[in-house]
Amino acid sequence: MSVKPVNSATFKPAIREKGVTLAEFGAVWCPPCKTLLPILHDLADSYGESVSVLQVDCDESPDLAGEFGVMSMPTVIVFRDGEPVERLVGLRPRSLYEQIIERNMAVV
């Protein structure tokens, strides 16, 4: 599985009703977002079907960024069973994303 680009029309259907979804809010011109993208692809490959990883371009979907209060990029919002449960602002180490995924998978 890989990172799935989504927009205002495809975002909500792409969030898992059961399980864990990571949604990265960023932009193509954002250097930390570019650095984060390979980490997200690696996480998507590592977890396969267990976790959905979505990518939202805030320039293309400013309504989604507003709805979720995204003020800085990248922002990664973790959804569990369709509800936002955690938020990471800024570029973080891969290990932190893994910890959050594992923690939220354990609750499911």
Foldseek 3Di string as FASTA:
>chain_A
DFEAEDAPVCPQVQQALAAKEKEWEEAPVDVQVVVCRVLRRVVCVVCPPRYHYYYYYCVRHVVVCVVVVPDAPTKIFMDHSSHTDDIDHTRDDSVVVVVVRVVRRVVD
